[in-house]
Amino acid sequence: MLGAQQFAGRCGLGESDATALGDAIVGAWDDFLDVVAHADLSRPSRLPGWTGRDTCIHLGSWADHRVLSSILAAALSGGGPEPRDADAANAELVAAHHDATPEEVRAALQRSRDVVEAWFDGSEPAELGRALVRSSVGDLPLLSLLHAGCYELAVHALDLAPCGAPAPSAFLLERGLGALLDVTGALAARHDIDMTVTAQTPQGGWSFSSSTEGWAIDQVAAGPFEGVGVRATAADLLDASAGRTTIPALLLSRRMVVQQLPSFMRLAPIISEVPGLPGGASLRAGVVGLTAVTGGVGKLIGRLKR
C-alpha cells in the first residue's frame, strides 16, 4: 500500500494474526479503562508531580493529539520521520489540557480505545501488520508498535494505585510484559544477537528468540524453564523495567530470580544506542545486566510516541 515498506525477516508480534492481536490490544484498553474508572484522578499518582489526571492525559485522544493517525501515516509513507522527544511532547500535552475534568480525560481515553478498535475492524491491519515504522527504538513493524502501547497502559495502571485505583488485571499486566519482551527482541535482533530470553510469572510469561534473521516471540507456561531468564510477578517485572522499584531489592528479597545472569551481558550493545537510559552504565560496566535490560528497554517502550 502506497510507500509502505515491509519487514522481510522474522519480526515478533508484527507477524501475528492481526485480528487476534487487535482483540488483545483492545482488551488491554478495556482493562485499563476499568482501572481509571475507579480512580480519583485528582489525587497524586506514583509519578512525582503528576496527578492521576496528568498520568492519563497523554494516553488520550485529543484534537491536538491523535497518535494512531500519525503512526499509520508513517507506515504508509515508508516509515515516517524520526519521532520527536516523547517527554517534551507529553509535558506539552499535559500543560495544554491542565484544565480538563476527570470526565473529559476519561472520554479522551475512551476515544483512544475506540479508534484502535475501529482500525482493527478494517482491512488495513492484515495488509500493514509488518509495515516498517520509525520509532525511538529504531524500526518496528506496525503491529509491534501498536502492541507496545500495552506496556504503557500496564505501567500507568500500576501508577494509579495511590489514586485509589484497583490492581490492574492479570491480562493487562501480561500484555504489558509481552510488549517489553517483543521490543527487547527487536533490539537484540538489530544487533545480530543470537539468544533466547524468558520473563516468567507465576501464571506464565513470554520469551523472545533473536538472531540475524530477526526475532520471534512466544507465550510460555508457568514452571521450570531452561536458559537465560527471570522469574517474578508481572507487576514486579513491569515496575522494575519502568524504574518504579529497584532490582537489587527484588533480588535480595527473592521476589525476582534470575537464571544465567552473566548471559544478559550479551545484550549490552542494545544499551549503547541510548546511553542516558537508567541502568545503561551499570550494564556496560558489567555490574548487573538485567538492570539495563529491564530498566533500559522498559523506559524506551514508554517513549514509543510520535
C-alpha atoms as a PDB file:
ATOM      1  CA  MET A   1       0.000   0.000   0.000  1.00  0.00           C
ATOM      2  CA  LEU A   2       1.359   3.387  -1.069  1.00  0.00           C
ATOM      3  CA  GLY A   3       5.003   3.600   0.050  1.00  0.00           C
ATOM      4  CA  ALA A   4       4.847   1.062   2.891  1.00  0.00           C
ATOM      5  CA  GLN A   5       7.993  -0.983   3.476  1.00  0.00           C
ATOM      6  CA  GLN A   6       7.511  -4.491   4.828  1.00  0.00           C
ATOM      7  CA  PHE A   7       9.796  -6.351   7.237  1.00  0.00           C
ATOM      8  CA  ALA A   8      11.330  -9.239   5.306  1.00  0.00           C
ATOM      9  CA  GLY A   9      12.534 -11.428   8.194  1.00  0.00           C
ATOM     10  CA  ARG A  10      11.093 -12.555  11.495  1.00  0.00           C
ATOM     11  CA  CYS A  11       9.502  -9.627  13.309  1.00  0.00           C
ATOM     12  CA  GLY A  12       7.940 -10.769  16.573  1.00  0.00           C
ATOM     13  CA  LEU A  13       4.366  -9.683  17.127  1.00  0.00           C
ATOM     14  CA  GLY A  14       4.495  -7.965  13.751  1.00  0.00           C
ATOM     15  CA  GLU A  15       3.840 -11.348  12.160  1.00  0.00           C
ATOM     16  CA  SER A  16       0.899 -12.154  14.440  1.00  0.00           C
ATOM     17  CA  ASP A  17      -2.655 -12.719  13.311  1.00  0.00           C
ATOM     18  CA  ALA A  18      -3.907  -9.138  13.153  1.00  0.00           C
ATOM     19  CA  THR A  19      -7.408  -9.941  14.352  1.00  0.00           C
ATOM     20  CA  ALA A  20      -6.222 -11.799  17.443  1.00  0.00           C
ATOM     21  CA  LEU A  21      -3.635  -9.160  18.294  1.00  0.00           C
ATOM     22  CA  GLY A  22      -6.196  -6.404  17.822  1.00  0.00           C
ATOM     23  CA  ASP A  23      -8.542  -8.164  20.238  1.00  0.00           C
ATOM     24  CA  ALA A  24      -5.720  -8.344  22.773  1.00  0.00           C
ATOM     25  CA  ILE A  25      -4.851  -4.650  22.429  1.00  0.00           C
ATOM     26  CA  VAL A  26      -8.490  -3.587  22.751  1.00  0.00           C
ATOM     27  CA  GLY A  27      -8.854  -5.920  25.727  1.00  0.00           C
ATOM     28  CA  ALA A  28      -5.888  -4.242  27.394  1.00  0.00           C
ATOM     29  CA  TRP A  29      -7.523  -0.861  26.808  1.00  0.00           C
ATOM     30  CA  ASP A  30     -10.776  -2.116  28.334  1.00  0.00           C
ATOM     31  CA  ASP A  31      -8.976  -3.300  31.452  1.00  0.00           C
ATOM     32  CA  PHE A  32      -7.077  -0.014  31.728  1.00  0.00           C
ATOM     33  CA  LEU A  33     -10.303   1.973  31.417  1.00  0.00           C
ATOM     34  CA  ASP A  34     -11.782  -0.113  34.231  1.00  0.00           C
ATOM     35  CA  VAL A  35      -8.830   0.862  36.453  1.00  0.00           C
ATOM     36  CA  VAL A  36      -9.247   4.541  35.559  1.00  0.00           C
ATOM     37  CA  ALA A  37     -12.999   4.405  36.205  1.00  0.00           C
ATOM     38  CA  HIS A  38     -12.346   3.567  39.869  1.00  0.00           C
ATOM     39  CA  ALA A  39      -9.510   6.066  40.396  1.00  0.00           C
ATOM     40  CA  ASP A  40      -9.682   9.560  41.868  1.00  0.00           C
ATOM     41  CA  LEU A  41      -7.735  11.334  39.152  1.00  0.00           C
ATOM     42  CA  SER A  42      -7.308  14.466  41.259  1.00  0.00           C
ATOM     43  CA  ARG A  43      -5.030  12.634  43.693  1.00  0.00           C
ATOM     44  CA  PRO A  44      -1.249  12.235  43.258  1.00  0.00           C
ATOM     45  CA  SER A  45      -0.076   9.210  41.285  1.00  0.00           C
ATOM     46  CA  ARG A  46       3.193   7.351  41.766  1.00  0.00           C
ATOM     47  CA  LEU A  47       4.829   9.722  39.278  1.00  0.00           C
ATOM     48  CA  PRO A  48       6.438  12.649  41.110  1.00  0.00           C
ATOM     49  CA  GLY A  49       4.495  15.838  40.495  1.00  0.00           C
ATOM     50  CA  TRP A  50       1.801  14.150  38.425  1.00  0.00           C
ATOM     51  CA  THR A  51      -1.773  13.571  39.455  1.00  0.00           C
ATOM     52  CA  GLY A  52      -3.779  10.681  38.143  1.00  0.00           C
ATOM     53  CA  ARG A  53      -5.236  13.060  35.574  1.00  0.00           C
ATOM     54  CA  ASP A  54      -1.760  14.084  34.378  1.00  0.00           C
ATOM     55  CA  THR A  55      -0.753  10.437  34.129  1.00  0.00           C
ATOM     56  CA  CYS A  56      -3.707   9.688  31.857  1.00  0.00           C
ATOM     57  CA  ILE A  57      -3.851  12.804  29.663  1.00  0.00           C
ATOM     58  CA  HIS A  58      -1.080  11.758  27.273  1.00  0.00           C
ATOM     59  CA  LEU A  59      -2.767   8.402  26.672  1.00  0.00           C
ATOM     60  CA  GLY A  60      -5.955  10.031  25.454  1.00  0.00           C
ATOM     61  CA  SER A  61      -7.035  11.126  22.010  1.00  0.00           C
ATOM     62  CA  TRP A  62      -7.463  14.899  21.735  1.00  0.00           C
ATOM     63  CA  ALA A  63      -7.971  17.301  18.857  1.00  0.00           C
ATOM     64  CA  ASP A  64      -4.262  18.182  19.093  1.00  0.00           C
ATOM     65  CA  HIS A  65      -3.051  14.646  19.794  1.00  0.00           C
ATOM     66  CA  ARG A  66      -4.128  11.748  17.587  1.00  0.00           C
ATOM     67  CA  VAL A  67      -1.364   9.180  17.853  1.00  0.00           C
ATOM     68  CA  LEU A  68      -2.817   6.391  15.716  1.00  0.00           C
ATOM     69  CA  SER A  69      -3.295   8.556  12.635  1.00  0.00           C
ATOM     70  CA  SER A  70       0.333   9.713  12.709  1.00  0.00           C
ATOM     71  CA  ILE A  71       1.601   6.151  13.146  1.00  0.00           C
ATOM     72  CA  LEU A  72      -0.487   4.935  10.206  1.00  0.00           C
ATOM     73  CA  ALA A  73       0.732   7.817   8.058  1.00  0.00           C
ATOM     74  CA  ALA A  74       4.309   6.837   8.917  1.00  0.00           C
ATOM     75  CA  ALA A  75       3.660   3.199   7.964  1.00  0.00           C
ATOM     76  CA  LEU A  76       2.118   4.203   4.634  1.00  0.00           C
ATOM     77  CA  SER A  77       4.988   6.540   3.764  1.00  0.00           C
ATOM     78  CA  GLY A  78       7.808   4.051   4.244  1.00  0.00           C
ATOM     79  CA  GLY A  79       8.476   4.587   7.935  1.00  0.00           C
ATOM     80  CA  GLY A  80       7.885   8.269   8.512  1.00  0.00           C
ATOM     81  CA  PRO A  81      10.166  10.893  10.078  1.00  0.00           C
ATOM     82  CA  GLU A  82      12.169  10.440  13.234  1.00  0.00           C
ATOM     83  CA  PRO A  83       9.804  10.726  16.232  1.00  0.00           C
ATOM     84  CA  ARG A  84      10.010  13.796  18.431  1.00  0.00           C
ATOM     85  CA  ASP A  85      11.077  13.659  22.076  1.00  0.00           C
ATOM     86  CA  ALA A  86       8.261  11.926  23.949  1.00  0.00           C
ATOM     87  CA  ASP A  87       8.905  13.538  27.339  1.00  0.00           C
ATOM     88  CA  ALA A  88       8.667  17.020  25.843  1.00  0.00           C
ATOM     89  CA  ALA A  89       5.546  16.093  23.885  1.00  0.00           C
ATOM     90  CA  ASN A  90       3.881  14.645  26.990  1.00  0.00           C
ATOM     91  CA  ALA A  91       4.698  17.723  29.046  1.00  0.00           C
ATOM     92  CA  GLU A  92       3.229  19.977  26.352  1.00  0.00           C
ATOM     93  CA  LEU A  93       0.060  17.894  26.167  1.00  0.00           C
ATOM     94  CA  VAL A  94      -0.417  17.854  29.941  1.00  0.00           C
ATOM     95  CA  ALA A  95       0.072  21.613  30.035  1.00  0.00           C
ATOM     96  CA  ALA A  96      -2.372  22.136  27.169  1.00  0.00           C
ATOM     97  CA  HIS A  97      -5.081  20.120  28.927  1.00  0.00           C
ATOM     98  CA  HIS A  98      -4.363  21.011  32.552  1.00  0.00           C
ATOM     99  CA  ASP A  99      -7.958  22.234  32.964  1.00  0.00           C
ATOM    100  CA  ALA A 100      -9.518  19.014  31.655  1.00  0.00           C
ATOM    101  CA  THR A 101     -12.027  17.464  34.029  1.00  0.00           C
ATOM    102  CA  PRO A 102     -11.794  13.816  35.039  1.00  0.00           C
ATOM    103  CA  GLU A 103     -14.784  13.133  32.805  1.00  0.00           C
ATOM    104  CA  GLU A 104     -13.033  14.762  29.844  1.00  0.00           C
ATOM    105  CA  VAL A 105      -9.877  12.740  30.500  1.00  0.00           C
ATOM    106  CA  ARG A 106     -11.850   9.503  30.642  1.00  0.00           C
ATOM    107  CA  ALA A 107     -13.640  10.447  27.421  1.00  0.00           C
ATOM    108  CA  ALA A 108     -10.274  11.060  25.706  1.00  0.00           C
ATOM    109  CA  LEU A 109      -9.065   7.648  26.860  1.00  0.00           C
ATOM    110  CA  GLN A 110     -12.244   6.052  25.532  1.00  0.00           C
ATOM    111  CA  ARG A 111     -11.629   7.710  22.154  1.00  0.00           C
ATOM    112  CA  SER A 112      -8.124   6.243  22.060  1.00  0.00           C
ATOM    113  CA  ARG A 113      -9.527   2.804  22.710  1.00  0.00           C
ATOM    114  CA  ASP A 114     -12.351   3.176  20.177  1.00  0.00           C
ATOM    115  CA  VAL A 115     -10.149   4.383  17.329  1.00  0.00           C
ATOM    116  CA  VAL A 116      -7.887   1.361  17.798  1.00  0.00           C
ATOM    117  CA  GLU A 117     -10.863  -0.997  17.733  1.00  0.00           C
ATOM    118  CA  ALA A 118     -12.271   0.683  14.623  1.00  0.00           C
ATOM    119  CA  TRP A 119      -8.958   0.358  12.795  1.00  0.00           C
ATOM    120  CA  PHE A 120      -8.582  -3.316  13.629  1.00  0.00           C
ATOM    121  CA  ASP A 121     -12.117  -3.915  12.328  1.00  0.00           C
ATOM    122  CA  GLY A 122     -10.976  -2.842   8.852  1.00  0.00           C
ATOM    123  CA  SER A 123      -8.732  -4.428   6.224  1.00  0.00           C
ATOM    124  CA  GLU A 124      -5.540  -2.440   6.838  1.00  0.00           C
ATOM    125  CA  PRO A 125      -4.214  -4.468   9.806  1.00  0.00           C
ATOM    126  CA  ALA A 126      -3.776  -7.609   7.715  1.00  0.00           C
ATOM    127  CA  GLU A 127      -2.110  -5.627   4.924  1.00  0.00           C
ATOM    128  CA  LEU A 128       0.067  -3.329   7.054  1.00  0.00           C
ATOM    129  CA  GLY A 129       0.928  -5.510  10.044  1.00  0.00           C
ATOM    130  CA  ARG A 130       4.581  -5.921   9.026  1.00  0.00           C
ATOM    131  CA  ALA A 131       4.970  -2.377   7.687  1.00  0.00           C
ATOM    132  CA  LEU A 132       8.046  -0.550   8.948  1.00  0.00           C
ATOM    133  CA  VAL A 133       7.544   2.415  11.281  1.00  0.00           C
ATOM    134  CA  ARG A 134      10.384   4.503  12.725  1.00  0.00           C
ATOM    135  CA  SER A 135      10.310   4.815  16.491  1.00  0.00           C
ATOM    136  CA  SER A 136      12.572   5.883  19.323  1.00  0.00           C
ATOM    137  CA  VAL A 137      13.932   2.317  19.417  1.00  0.00           C
ATOM    138  CA  GLY A 138      14.502   2.156  15.687  1.00  0.00           C
ATOM    139  CA  ASP A 139      12.386   0.471  13.041  1.00  0.00           C
ATOM    140  CA  LEU A 140       9.490  -1.682  14.251  1.00  0.00           C
ATOM    141  CA  PRO A 141       6.657  -3.452  12.455  1.00  0.00           C
ATOM    142  CA  LEU A 142       3.369  -1.592  12.828  1.00  0.00           C
ATOM    143  CA  LEU A 143       1.665  -4.322  14.862  1.00  0.00           C
ATOM    144  CA  SER A 144       4.557  -4.470  17.340  1.00  0.00           C
ATOM    145  CA  LEU A 145       4.475  -0.704  17.726  1.00  0.00           C
ATOM    146  CA  LEU A 146       0.733  -0.656  18.369  1.00  0.00           C
ATOM    147  CA  HIS A 147       1.002  -3.516  20.848  1.00  0.00           C
ATOM    148  CA  ALA A 148       3.869  -1.713  22.608  1.00  0.00           C
ATOM    149  CA  GLY A 149       1.240   0.688  23.919  1.00  0.00           C
ATOM    150  CA  CYS A 150       0.052  -2.105  26.216  1.00  0.00           C
ATOM    151  CA  TYR A 151       3.262  -1.667  28.183  1.00  0.00           C
ATOM    152  CA  GLU A 152       2.431   1.939  28.966  1.00  0.00           C
ATOM    153  CA  LEU A 153      -1.156   1.061  29.840  1.00  0.00           C
ATOM    154  CA  ALA A 154       0.011  -1.609  32.281  1.00  0.00           C
ATOM    155  CA  VAL A 155       2.637   0.566  33.985  1.00  0.00           C
ATOM    156  CA  HIS A 156       0.329   3.555  34.297  1.00  0.00           C
ATOM    157  CA  ALA A 157      -2.422   1.346  35.679  1.00  0.00           C
ATOM    158  CA  LEU A 158       0.024   0.466  38.459  1.00  0.00           C
ATOM    159  CA  ASP A 159       0.900   4.171  38.803  1.00  0.00           C
ATOM    160  CA  LEU A 160      -2.723   4.927  39.697  1.00  0.00           C
ATOM    161  CA  ALA A 161      -2.671   2.861  42.913  1.00  0.00           C
ATOM    162  CA  PRO A 162      -2.266   5.983  45.145  1.00  0.00           C
ATOM    163  CA  CYS A 163      -5.390   7.360  43.442  1.00  0.00           C
ATOM    164  CA  GLY A 164      -7.416   4.531  44.950  1.00  0.00           C
ATOM    165  CA  ALA A 165      -7.419   2.517  41.735  1.00  0.00           C
ATOM    166  CA  PRO A 166      -7.786  -1.265  41.901  1.00  0.00           C
ATOM    167  CA  ALA A 167      -4.934  -3.529  40.883  1.00  0.00           C
ATOM    168  CA  PRO A 168      -4.812  -3.998  37.114  1.00  0.00           C
ATOM    169  CA  SER A 169      -5.978  -7.287  35.700  1.00  0.00           C
ATOM    170  CA  ALA A 170      -3.611 -10.171  35.087  1.00  0.00           C
ATOM    171  CA  PHE A 171      -4.414  -9.847  31.379  1.00  0.00           C
ATOM    172  CA  LEU A 172      -3.332  -6.195  31.208  1.00  0.00           C
ATOM    173  CA  LEU A 173      -0.082  -6.944  33.039  1.00  0.00           C
ATOM    174  CA  GLU A 174       0.561  -9.926  30.772  1.00  0.00           C
ATOM    175  CA  ARG A 175       0.175  -7.832  27.617  1.00  0.00           C
ATOM    176  CA  GLY A 176       2.466  -5.178  29.069  1.00  0.00           C
ATOM    177  CA  LEU A 177       5.126  -7.805  29.733  1.00  0.00           C
ATOM    178  CA  GLY A 178       4.700  -9.190  26.223  1.00  0.00           C
ATOM    179  CA  ALA A 179       5.315  -5.723  24.792  1.00  0.00           C
ATOM    180  CA  LEU A 180       8.512  -5.434  26.832  1.00  0.00           C
ATOM    181  CA  LEU A 181       9.843  -8.759  25.511  1.00  0.00           C
ATOM    182  CA  ASP A 182       8.809  -8.033  21.926  1.00  0.00           C
ATOM    183  CA  VAL A 183      10.686  -4.736  21.746  1.00  0.00           C
ATOM    184  CA  THR A 184      13.697  -6.201  23.563  1.00  0.00           C
ATOM    185  CA  GLY A 185      13.764  -8.945  20.941  1.00  0.00           C
ATOM    186  CA  ALA A 186      13.683  -6.342  18.176  1.00  0.00           C
ATOM    187  CA  LEU A 187      16.661  -4.520  19.675  1.00  0.00           C
ATOM    188  CA  ALA A 188      18.598  -7.752  20.128  1.00  0.00           C
ATOM    189  CA  ALA A 189      17.927  -8.810  16.531  1.00  0.00           C
ATOM    190  CA  ARG A 190      19.072  -5.421  15.261  1.00  0.00           C
ATOM    191  CA  HIS A 191      22.461  -6.166  16.850  1.00  0.00           C
ATOM    192  CA  ASP A 192      22.551  -9.722  15.439  1.00  0.00           C
ATOM    193  CA  ILE A 193      22.425 -11.211  18.938  1.00  0.00           C
ATOM    194  CA  ASP A 194      21.549 -14.909  18.821  1.00  0.00           C
ATOM    195  CA  MET A 195      19.850 -15.805  22.106  1.00  0.00           C
ATOM    196  CA  THR A 196      16.598 -16.640  23.849  1.00  0.00           C
ATOM    197  CA  VAL A 197      15.375 -14.758  26.929  1.00  0.00           C
ATOM    198  CA  THR A 198      12.376 -15.673  29.077  1.00  0.00           C
ATOM    199  CA  ALA A 199      10.418 -13.495  31.504  1.00  0.00           C
ATOM    200  CA  GLN A 200       8.185 -15.777  33.523  1.00  0.00           C
ATOM    201  CA  THR A 201       5.474 -15.025  36.052  1.00  0.00           C
ATOM    202  CA  PRO A 202       3.589 -17.457  38.285  1.00  0.00           C
ATOM    203  CA  GLN A 203       0.864 -17.512  35.620  1.00  0.00           C
ATOM    204  CA  GLY A 204       3.124 -17.887  32.571  1.00  0.00           C
ATOM    205  CA  GLY A 205       5.069 -15.234  30.712  1.00  0.00           C
ATOM    206  CA  TRP A 206       6.875 -14.543  27.444  1.00  0.00           C
ATOM    207  CA  SER A 207      10.137 -15.348  25.687  1.00  0.00           C
ATOM    208  CA  PHE A 208      11.884 -13.956  22.644  1.00  0.00           C
ATOM    209  CA  SER A 209      14.461 -15.587  20.395  1.00  0.00           C
ATOM    210  CA  SER A 210      16.632 -13.235  18.362  1.00  0.00           C
ATOM    211  CA  SER A 211      19.118 -13.870  15.547  1.00  0.00           C
ATOM    212  CA  THR A 212      20.462 -12.325  12.373  1.00  0.00           C
ATOM    213  CA  GLU A 213      17.145 -13.242  10.733  1.00  0.00           C
ATOM    214  CA  GLY A 214      15.004 -11.235  13.145  1.00  0.00           C
ATOM    215  CA  TRP A 215      13.149 -12.243  16.270  1.00  0.00           C
ATOM    216  CA  ALA A 216      10.262 -14.435  17.335  1.00  0.00           C
ATOM    217  CA  ILE A 217       8.178 -14.132  20.483  1.00  0.00           C
ATOM    218  CA  ASP A 218       6.065 -16.711  22.275  1.00  0.00           C
ATOM    219  CA  GLN A 219       4.000 -17.018  25.404  1.00  0.00           C
ATOM    220  CA  VAL A 220       5.354 -19.551  27.889  1.00  0.00           C
ATOM    221  CA  ALA A 221       3.735 -21.659  30.572  1.00  0.00           C
ATOM    222  CA  ALA A 222       4.436 -21.483  34.281  1.00  0.00           C
ATOM    223  CA  GLY A 223       7.025 -23.855  35.697  1.00  0.00           C
ATOM    224  CA  PRO A 224      10.759 -24.512  35.291  1.00  0.00           C
ATOM    225  CA  PHE A 225      12.465 -23.322  32.118  1.00  0.00           C
ATOM    226  CA  GLU A 226      15.976 -23.602  30.716  1.00  0.00           C
ATOM    227  CA  GLY A 227      18.318 -20.853  29.622  1.00  0.00           C
ATOM    228  CA  VAL A 228      18.515 -17.121  30.216  1.00  0.00           C
ATOM    229  CA  GLY A 229      15.573 -15.648  32.025  1.00  0.00           C
ATOM    230  CA  VAL A 230      13.960 -14.043  35.015  1.00  0.00           C
ATOM    231  CA  ARG A 231      11.085 -15.041  37.281  1.00  0.00           C
ATOM    232  CA  ALA A 232       8.907 -12.594  39.200  1.00  0.00           C
ATOM    233  CA  THR A 233       5.349 -11.363  39.247  1.00  0.00           C
ATOM    234  CA  ALA A 234       4.302  -9.381  36.200  1.00  0.00           C
ATOM    235  CA  ALA A 235       3.806  -6.299  38.368  1.00  0.00           C
ATOM    236  CA  ASP A 236       7.339  -6.538  39.773  1.00  0.00           C
ATOM    237  CA  LEU A 237       8.848  -7.062  36.323  1.00  0.00           C
ATOM    238  CA  LEU A 238       6.983  -4.059  34.929  1.00  0.00           C
ATOM    239  CA  ASP A 239       7.807  -1.879  37.929  1.00  0.00           C
ATOM    240  CA  ALA A 240      11.481  -2.811  37.667  1.00  0.00           C
ATOM    241  CA  SER A 241      11.505  -2.113  33.934  1.00  0.00           C
ATOM    242  CA  ALA A 242       9.927   1.313  34.413  1.00  0.00           C
ATOM    243  CA  GLY A 243      12.227   2.292  37.258  1.00  0.00           C
ATOM    244  CA  ARG A 244       9.439   2.254  39.820  1.00  0.00           C
ATOM    245  CA  THR A 245      11.371  -0.146  42.034  1.00  0.00           C
ATOM    246  CA  THR A 246      14.984  -1.272  42.347  1.00  0.00           C
ATOM    247  CA  ILE A 247      16.192  -4.586  41.031  1.00  0.00           C
ATOM    248  CA  PRO A 248      18.684  -5.202  43.883  1.00  0.00           C
ATOM    249  CA  ALA A 249      15.824  -5.037  46.388  1.00  0.00           C
ATOM    250  CA  LEU A 250      13.799  -7.520  44.350  1.00  0.00           C
ATOM    251  CA  LEU A 251      16.769  -9.872  44.042  1.00  0.00           C
ATOM    252  CA  LEU A 252      17.646  -9.702  47.741  1.00  0.00           C
ATOM    253  CA  SER A 253      14.062 -10.416  48.752  1.00  0.00           C
ATOM    254  CA  ARG A 254      13.882 -13.259  46.211  1.00  0.00           C
ATOM    255  CA  ARG A 255      10.855 -11.626  44.630  1.00  0.00           C
ATOM    256  CA  MET A 256      12.943 -11.765  41.459  1.00  0.00           C
ATOM    257  CA  VAL A 257      15.047 -14.777  40.500  1.00  0.00           C
ATOM    258  CA  VAL A 258      17.451 -14.675  37.556  1.00  0.00           C
ATOM    259  CA  GLN A 259      18.817 -17.571  35.541  1.00  0.00           C
ATOM    260  CA  GLN A 260      22.211 -17.278  33.844  1.00  0.00           C
ATOM    261  CA  LEU A 261      22.683 -13.630  34.764  1.00  0.00           C
ATOM    262  CA  PRO A 262      26.101 -13.330  33.036  1.00  0.00           C
ATOM    263  CA  SER A 263      24.433 -14.139  29.717  1.00  0.00           C
ATOM    264  CA  PHE A 264      22.423 -10.935  29.969  1.00  0.00           C
ATOM    265  CA  MET A 265      25.686  -9.151  29.267  1.00  0.00           C
ATOM    266  CA  ARG A 266      25.308 -10.229  25.647  1.00  0.00           C
ATOM    267  CA  LEU A 267      22.521  -7.665  25.422  1.00  0.00           C
ATOM    268  CA  ALA A 268      24.874  -4.825  26.360  1.00  0.00           C
ATOM    269  CA  PRO A 269      25.089  -3.475  22.773  1.00  0.00           C
ATOM    270  CA  ILE A 270      21.408  -2.569  22.738  1.00  0.00           C
ATOM    271  CA  ILE A 271      22.035  -0.050  25.504  1.00  0.00           C
ATOM    272  CA  SER A 272      24.814   1.722  23.604  1.00  0.00           C
ATOM    273  CA  GLU A 273      22.206   3.271  21.303  1.00  0.00           C
ATOM    274  CA  VAL A 274      20.685   5.167  24.222  1.00  0.00           C
ATOM    275  CA  PRO A 275      23.454   5.861  26.760  1.00  0.00           C
ATOM    276  CA  GLY A 276      21.268   8.015  29.004  1.00  0.00           C
ATOM    277  CA  LEU A 277      18.914   5.197  29.968  1.00  0.00           C
ATOM    278  CA  PRO A 278      18.691   4.087  33.604  1.00  0.00           C
ATOM    279  CA  GLY A 279      20.970   1.120  34.219  1.00  0.00           C
ATOM    280  CA  GLY A 280      22.924   1.539  30.989  1.00  0.00           C
ATOM    281  CA  ALA A 281      26.144   2.460  32.720  1.00  0.00           C
ATOM    282  CA  SER A 282      25.769  -0.466  35.100  1.00  0.00           C
ATOM    283  CA  LEU A 283      25.391  -2.868  32.221  1.00  0.00           C
ATOM    284  CA  ARG A 284      28.372  -1.540  30.320  1.00  0.00           C
ATOM    285  CA  ALA A 285      30.423  -1.720  33.496  1.00  0.00           C
ATOM    286  CA  GLY A 286      29.400  -5.341  33.888  1.00  0.00           C
ATOM    287  CA  VAL A 287      27.542  -4.894  37.179  1.00  0.00           C
ATOM    288  CA  VAL A 288      24.042  -6.232  36.600  1.00  0.00           C
ATOM    289  CA  GLY A 289      22.982  -6.882  33.033  1.00  0.00           C
ATOM    290  CA  LEU A 290      19.363  -7.352  33.888  1.00  0.00           C
ATOM    291  CA  THR A 291      19.121  -3.867  35.368  1.00  0.00           C
ATOM    292  CA  ALA A 292      19.803  -2.320  31.992  1.00  0.00           C
ATOM    293  CA  VAL A 293      17.770  -4.828  30.029  1.00  0.00           C
ATOM    294  CA  THR A 294      14.589  -4.307  32.032  1.00  0.00           C
ATOM    295  CA  GLY A 295      15.149  -0.719  33.070  1.00  0.00           C
ATOM    296  CA  GLY A 296      16.550   0.498  29.784  1.00  0.00           C
ATOM    297  CA  VAL A 297      14.205  -1.230  27.376  1.00  0.00           C
ATOM    298  CA  GLY A 298      11.165  -0.573  29.559  1.00  0.00           C
ATOM    299  CA  LYS A 299      11.973   3.113  29.585  1.00  0.00           C
ATOM    300  CA  LEU A 300      12.258   3.061  25.820  1.00  0.00           C
ATOM    301  CA  ILE A 301       8.880   1.435  25.286  1.00  0.00           C
ATOM    302  CA  GLY A 302       7.325   4.172  27.358  1.00  0.00           C
ATOM    303  CA  ARG A 303       8.716   6.613  24.760  1.00  0.00           C
ATOM    304  CA  LEU A 304       7.117   4.943  21.747  1.00  0.00           C
ATOM    305  CA  LYS A 305       5.118   8.015  20.746  1.00  0.00           C
ATOM    306  CA  ARG A 306       5.006  10.260  17.754  1.00  0.00           C
END
